[in-house]
Protein backbone atom coordinates (compact mmCIF):
# COMPACT_ATOMS: atom_id res chain seq x y z
CA MET A 1 -4.53 2.02 0.54
CA TRP A 2 -6.93 -1.23 1.30
CA ASN A 3 -5.37 -3.09 -1.78
CA SER A 4 -1.94 -2.17 -0.07
CA LEU A 5 -2.78 -3.96 2.98
CA ILE A 6 -4.17 -7.39 1.25
CA TYR A 7 -1.46 -7.30 -1.08
CA ALA A 8 1.25 -7.55 2.29
CA ALA A 9 -1.23 -9.31 4.23
CA ARG A 10 -1.40 -12.53 1.90
CA SER A 11 2.64 -12.40 0.61
CA GLN A 12 2.19 -12.15 -2.49
CA GLY A 13 4.78 -11.62 -5.04
CA ASP A 14 6.43 -8.20 -5.87
CA MET A 15 2.99 -6.10 -4.75
CA ALA A 16 3.22 -7.57 -1.27
CA GLU A 17 6.85 -6.37 -1.48
CA LYS A 18 6.09 -3.07 -2.51
CA ALA A 19 3.27 -3.11 -0.30
CA LEU A 20 5.20 -3.87 2.98
CA GLN A 21 7.75 -0.71 2.02
CA ILE A 22 4.88 1.69 2.32
CA LEU A 23 3.31 -0.37 5.84
CA GLU A 24 6.77 0.05 7.12
CA ASP A 25 7.59 3.34 6.38
CA GLU A 26 7.88 4.91 10.06
CA ASN A 27 7.55 8.36 8.42
CA ARG A 28 3.90 7.72 7.35
CA GLU A 29 0.97 7.84 9.99
CA PHE A 30 -2.30 5.47 8.39
CA ALA A 31 -6.35 7.20 8.39
CA SER A 32 -8.76 3.75 7.98
CA SER A 33 -12.68 3.91 9.19
CA ILE A 34 -14.52 0.89 10.03
CA PHE A 35 -15.36 0.14 6.36
CA LEU A 36 -12.02 -1.20 5.99
CA LYS A 37 -11.87 -3.51 9.11
CA LEU A 38 -15.30 -4.91 7.36
CA GLU A 39 -13.93 -4.97 4.07
CA VAL A 40 -10.89 -7.44 5.13
CA LEU A 41 -11.58 -8.99 8.72
CA PRO A 42 -14.21 -11.17 8.27
CA LYS A 43 -12.82 -12.76 5.24
CA ALA A 44 -9.72 -13.73 7.12
CA ILE A 45 -12.00 -14.71 10.29
CA TYR A 46 -14.11 -16.84 8.00
CA ASN A 47 -11.27 -18.43 6.28
CA GLN A 48 -9.78 -19.04 9.49
CA GLN A 49 -6.09 -17.19 8.04
CA LYS A 50 -4.80 -16.44 11.22
CA SER A 51 -1.80 -14.94 10.23
CA GLU A 52 -3.58 -12.74 7.85
CA PHE A 53 -6.08 -11.37 10.23
CA LYS A 54 -3.62 -11.00 12.99
CA PHE A 55 -1.46 -9.12 9.79
CA TYR A 56 -4.53 -6.51 9.92
CA GLU A 57 -4.92 -6.51 13.73
CA ALA A 58 -1.31 -4.98 13.45
CA PHE A 59 -2.35 -2.39 11.13
CA PHE A 60 -5.66 -1.51 12.81
CA ASP A 61 -3.52 -0.82 16.20
CA GLU A 62 -0.77 1.41 14.66
CA VAL A 63 -4.21 3.52 12.82
CA SER A 64 -3.46 6.99 14.00
CA TYR A 65 -6.81 8.79 12.59
CA TRP A 66 -10.23 6.98 12.35
CA ALA A 67 -12.99 7.84 10.20
CA LYS A 68 -16.07 9.05 13.27
CA ASP A 69 -18.74 10.48 11.57
CA ILE A 70 -19.90 7.40 9.46
CA ASN A 71 -23.30 9.10 8.76
CA SER A 72 -21.22 11.82 6.64
CA ILE A 73 -19.02 9.27 5.01
CA ILE A 74 -21.71 7.71 4.08
CA ALA A 75 -23.73 10.83 2.60
CA THR A 76 -20.91 12.11 0.69
CA ALA A 77 -20.38 8.33 -0.82
CA TYR A 78 -24.42 9.09 -2.20
CA GLU A 79 -23.87 11.89 -3.84
CA GLU A 80 -20.54 11.61 -5.29
CA ALA A 81 -22.18 8.60 -6.49
CA SER A 82 -25.46 10.21 -7.98
CA LYS A 83 -23.37 12.73 -9.31
CA PHE A 84 -21.17 10.57 -11.45
CA GLY A 85 -22.67 7.93 -11.80
CA VAL A 86 -21.18 5.04 -10.20
CA GLY A 87 -21.50 2.13 -8.34
CA GLN A 88 -20.05 0.61 -5.16
CA TRP A 89 -17.02 -1.11 -6.55
CA THR A 90 -15.69 2.62 -7.76
CA LEU A 91 -16.55 4.12 -4.70
CA TYR A 92 -13.44 1.93 -2.96
CA ILE A 93 -11.38 3.81 -4.87
CA LEU A 94 -12.12 6.45 -4.20
CA ARG A 95 -12.88 5.77 -0.41
CA PRO A 96 -9.18 7.00 1.02
CA LEU A 97 -10.33 10.37 -0.53
CA TYR A 98 -12.64 10.51 2.12
CA LEU A 99 -10.76 9.91 4.98
C-alpha cells in the first residue's frame, strides 16, 4: 500500500495511474498507522514538496481504520522478524498484514 501512496503522490507514469485508481476507488476503505505517516510525511516536509504533503494529508484524513495498539504491532513484527530472520526492509513489505 505505501508504494501505491508514494507513486500516486509523486505522479510517476503508469504506476501513478494504477495507484490513483486504487486510492480513488470509492468501494475501498484504507487502514494505516503512525508508521506509514512517519514513512512519507517527514521527507515531503523536509524537501518542501507541498503538493506531495497535501496529497498525503488528504489520504490520511480519509483513512477508516487506524492501528492503535502500536506496542502489539511492534511486538508482532519483532517476533516475526526473529522467527524468519528478516530485517527492517522486509518488515515494511509485511507491515500491511498487521494492520
